[in-house]
Amino acid sequence: MIRIEGTITTESVRASCVAGALAPDNLSGMETAAAGNEVVTAIRGEHLRSVTASVDDYLMNLAIAEEVCSYLLEKVGRA
């Protein structure tokens, strides 16, 4: 059995907002947290196609979360 593990780390001035927006969408084998100005997501799995699909979905969700948190910061004054 193969085991696939990786970490995606992205910088963001709104890291806690972005991590909070992403965490509810985590699948089993995924953990997302803010660490300072970084969003850190650990991904684990046993099937390459599933892990690849999860990473693809995560990156799309990451882009949307960044946009939403930026909007909240600019328009509402909080993120």
Protein backbone atom coordinates (compact mmCIF):
# COMPACT_ATOMS: atom_id res chain seq x y z
CA MET A 1 0.00 0.00 0.00
CA ILE A 2 1.29 3.44 -0.91
CA ARG A 3 1.08 6.39 1.48
CA ILE A 4 1.07 9.92 0.09
CA GLU A 5 1.74 12.88 2.38
CA GLY A 6 2.34 16.54 1.73
CA THR A 7 1.97 20.03 3.08
CA ILE A 8 0.77 23.12 1.26
CA THR A 9 1.92 26.38 2.83
CA THR A 10 0.77 29.76 1.51
CA GLU A 11 1.42 33.24 2.82
CA SER A 12 -1.53 35.49 3.59
CA VAL A 13 -2.00 38.65 5.64
CA ARG A 14 -5.45 37.19 6.40
CA ALA A 15 -4.22 33.69 7.32
CA SER A 16 -6.67 33.03 10.15
CA CYS A 17 -9.64 34.13 8.04
CA VAL A 18 -8.51 32.00 5.10
CA ALA A 19 -7.77 28.94 7.27
CA GLY A 20 -11.13 29.33 8.98
CA ALA A 21 -12.90 29.47 5.63
CA LEU A 22 -11.07 26.39 4.33
CA ALA A 23 -11.25 24.11 7.38
CA PRO A 24 -14.94 23.10 7.05
CA ASP A 25 -14.23 21.71 3.56
CA ASN A 26 -11.37 19.48 4.74
CA LEU A 27 -11.82 15.85 3.87
CA SER A 28 -10.52 13.05 6.07
CA GLY A 29 -6.77 13.14 5.79
CA MET A 30 -6.64 16.95 5.61
CA GLU A 31 -5.89 19.46 8.34
CA THR A 32 -5.78 23.25 7.85
CA ALA A 33 -4.54 25.85 10.33
CA ALA A 34 -3.14 29.36 10.42
CA ALA A 35 0.42 29.81 11.64
CA GLY A 36 1.31 33.50 11.79
CA ASN A 37 0.95 34.83 8.27
CA GLU A 38 0.76 31.36 6.71
CA VAL A 39 -2.05 28.95 5.94
CA VAL A 40 -0.75 25.41 6.39
CA THR A 41 -2.64 22.37 5.11
CA ALA A 42 -1.41 18.81 5.59
CA ILE A 43 -2.80 16.22 3.19
CA ARG A 44 -2.52 12.45 3.53
CA GLY A 45 -3.96 9.64 1.48
CA GLU A 46 -3.41 6.26 -0.08
CA HIS A 47 -4.64 6.80 -3.65
CA LEU A 48 -2.81 9.21 -5.94
CA ARG A 49 -5.93 10.19 -7.90
CA SER A 50 -7.84 11.01 -4.72
CA VAL A 51 -4.99 13.08 -3.30
CA THR A 52 -4.55 14.89 -6.62
CA ALA A 53 -8.29 15.68 -6.77
CA SER A 54 -8.23 16.88 -3.15
CA VAL A 55 -5.29 19.19 -3.86
CA ASP A 56 -7.02 20.54 -6.97
CA ASP A 57 -10.21 21.26 -5.01
CA TYR A 58 -8.22 22.76 -2.15
CA LEU A 59 -6.38 25.18 -4.44
CA MET A 60 -9.66 26.39 -5.95
CA ASN A 61 -11.14 26.84 -2.47
CA LEU A 62 -7.97 28.64 -1.36
CA ALA A 63 -8.32 31.20 -4.15
CA ILE A 64 -11.97 31.80 -3.27
CA ALA A 65 -11.22 32.07 0.46
CA GLU A 66 -8.50 34.65 -0.24
CA GLU A 67 -10.94 36.71 -2.31
CA VAL A 68 -13.69 36.56 0.31
CA CYS A 69 -11.33 37.46 3.16
CA SER A 70 -9.86 40.33 1.12
CA TYR A 71 -13.37 41.61 0.41
CA LEU A 72 -14.29 41.43 4.10
CA LEU A 73 -11.16 43.33 5.06
CA GLU A 74 -11.68 46.05 2.42
CA LYS A 75 -15.47 46.49 2.59
CA VAL A 76 -16.39 45.52 6.12
CA GLY A 77 -13.11 46.29 7.86
CA ARG A 78 -12.54 42.84 9.30
CA ALA A 79 -11.25 39.50 8.11
